[in-house]
């Protein structure tokens, strides 16, 4: 019973999960941002290429 109580009071696993969720959220935002920037940059470079032709 004492082991169960100490397990329920332990917060270290919850903290690790929270850090993992924060890291995942930052990764998703970074990927979405870079994808958008890449698409816009590609369109600009296509316009420059067409202008040179």
C-alpha atoms as a PDB file:
ATOM      1  CA  UNK A   1       0.000   0.000   0.000  1.00  0.00           C
ATOM      2  CA  UNK A   2       2.868   2.350   0.825  1.00  0.00           C
ATOM      3  CA  UNK A   3       4.387   1.717  -2.619  1.00  0.00           C
ATOM      4  CA  UNK A   4       1.080   2.574  -4.309  1.00  0.00           C
ATOM      5  CA  UNK A   5       0.786   5.852  -2.402  1.00  0.00           C
ATOM      6  CA  UNK A   6       4.324   6.885  -3.307  1.00  0.00           C
ATOM      7  CA  UNK A   7       3.634   6.007  -6.949  1.00  0.00           C
ATOM      8  CA  UNK A   8       0.512   8.182  -7.005  1.00  0.00           C
ATOM      9  CA  UNK A   9       2.373  11.142  -5.465  1.00  0.00           C
ATOM     10  CA  UNK A  10       5.281  10.936  -7.933  1.00  0.00           C
ATOM     11  CA  UNK A  11       5.079  13.858 -10.393  1.00  0.00           C
ATOM     12  CA  UNK A  12       8.264  13.248 -12.401  1.00  0.00           C
ATOM     13  CA  UNK A  13       6.513  11.236 -15.108  1.00  0.00           C
ATOM     14  CA  UNK A  14       3.867  13.920 -15.588  1.00  0.00           C
ATOM     15  CA  UNK A  15       6.550  16.570 -15.993  1.00  0.00           C
ATOM     16  CA  UNK A  16       8.337  14.518 -18.643  1.00  0.00           C
ATOM     17  CA  UNK A  17       5.087  14.057 -20.542  1.00  0.00           C
ATOM     18  CA  UNK A  18       4.390  17.793 -20.407  1.00  0.00           C
ATOM     19  CA  UNK A  19       7.846  18.585 -21.800  1.00  0.00           C
ATOM     20  CA  UNK A  20       7.273  16.023 -24.534  1.00  0.00           C
ATOM     21  CA  UNK A  21       3.955  17.602 -25.482  1.00  0.00           C
ATOM     22  CA  UNK A  22       5.517  21.070 -25.573  1.00  0.00           C
ATOM     23  CA  UNK A  23       8.335  19.799 -27.807  1.00  0.00           C
ATOM     24  CA  UNK A  24       5.807  18.142 -30.124  1.00  0.00           C
ATOM     25  CA  UNK A  25       3.745  21.332 -30.357  1.00  0.00           C
ATOM     26  CA  UNK A  26       6.828  23.411 -31.172  1.00  0.00           C
ATOM     27  CA  UNK A  27       7.794  20.880 -33.853  1.00  0.00           C
ATOM     28  CA  UNK A  28       4.352  20.999 -35.469  1.00  0.00           C
ATOM     29  CA  UNK A  29       4.382  24.814 -35.536  1.00  0.00           C
ATOM     30  CA  UNK A  30       7.908  24.880 -36.976  1.00  0.00           C
ATOM     31  CA  UNK A  31       7.021  22.377 -39.714  1.00  0.00           C
ATOM     32  CA  UNK A  32       3.867  24.281 -40.651  1.00  0.00           C
ATOM     33  CA  UNK A  33       5.738  27.589 -40.739  1.00  0.00           C
ATOM     34  CA  UNK A  34       8.614  26.254 -42.822  1.00  0.00           C
ATOM     35  CA  UNK A  35       6.210  24.573 -45.246  1.00  0.00           C
ATOM     36  CA  UNK A  36       4.346  27.844 -45.758  1.00  0.00           C
ATOM     37  CA  UNK A  37       7.547  29.825 -46.205  1.00  0.00           C
ATOM     38  CA  UNK A  38       8.880  27.201 -48.623  1.00  0.00           C
ATOM     39  CA  UNK A  39       5.745  27.361 -50.746  1.00  0.00           C
ATOM     40  CA  UNK A  40       5.830  31.154 -50.903  1.00  0.00           C
ATOM     41  CA  UNK A  41       9.562  31.187 -51.662  1.00  0.00           C
ATOM     42  CA  UNK A  42       9.065  28.673 -54.449  1.00  0.00           C
ATOM     43  CA  UNK A  43       6.370  30.877 -55.999  1.00  0.00           C
ATOM     44  CA  UNK A  44       8.676  33.930 -55.825  1.00  0.00           C
ATOM     45  CA  UNK A  45      11.561  32.043 -57.415  1.00  0.00           C
ATOM     46  CA  UNK A  46       9.260  30.765 -60.172  1.00  0.00           C
ATOM     47  CA  UNK A  47       8.198  34.355 -60.866  1.00  0.00           C
ATOM     48  CA  UNK A  48      11.820  35.498 -61.046  1.00  0.00           C
ATOM     49  CA  UNK A  49      12.679  32.576 -63.338  1.00  0.00           C
ATOM     50  CA  UNK A  50       9.780  33.366 -65.651  1.00  0.00           C
ATOM     51  CA  UNK A  51      10.782  37.028 -65.668  1.00  0.00           C
ATOM     52  CA  UNK A  52      14.306  36.145 -66.792  1.00  0.00           C
ATOM     53  CA  UNK A  53      13.030  33.936 -69.597  1.00  0.00           C
END
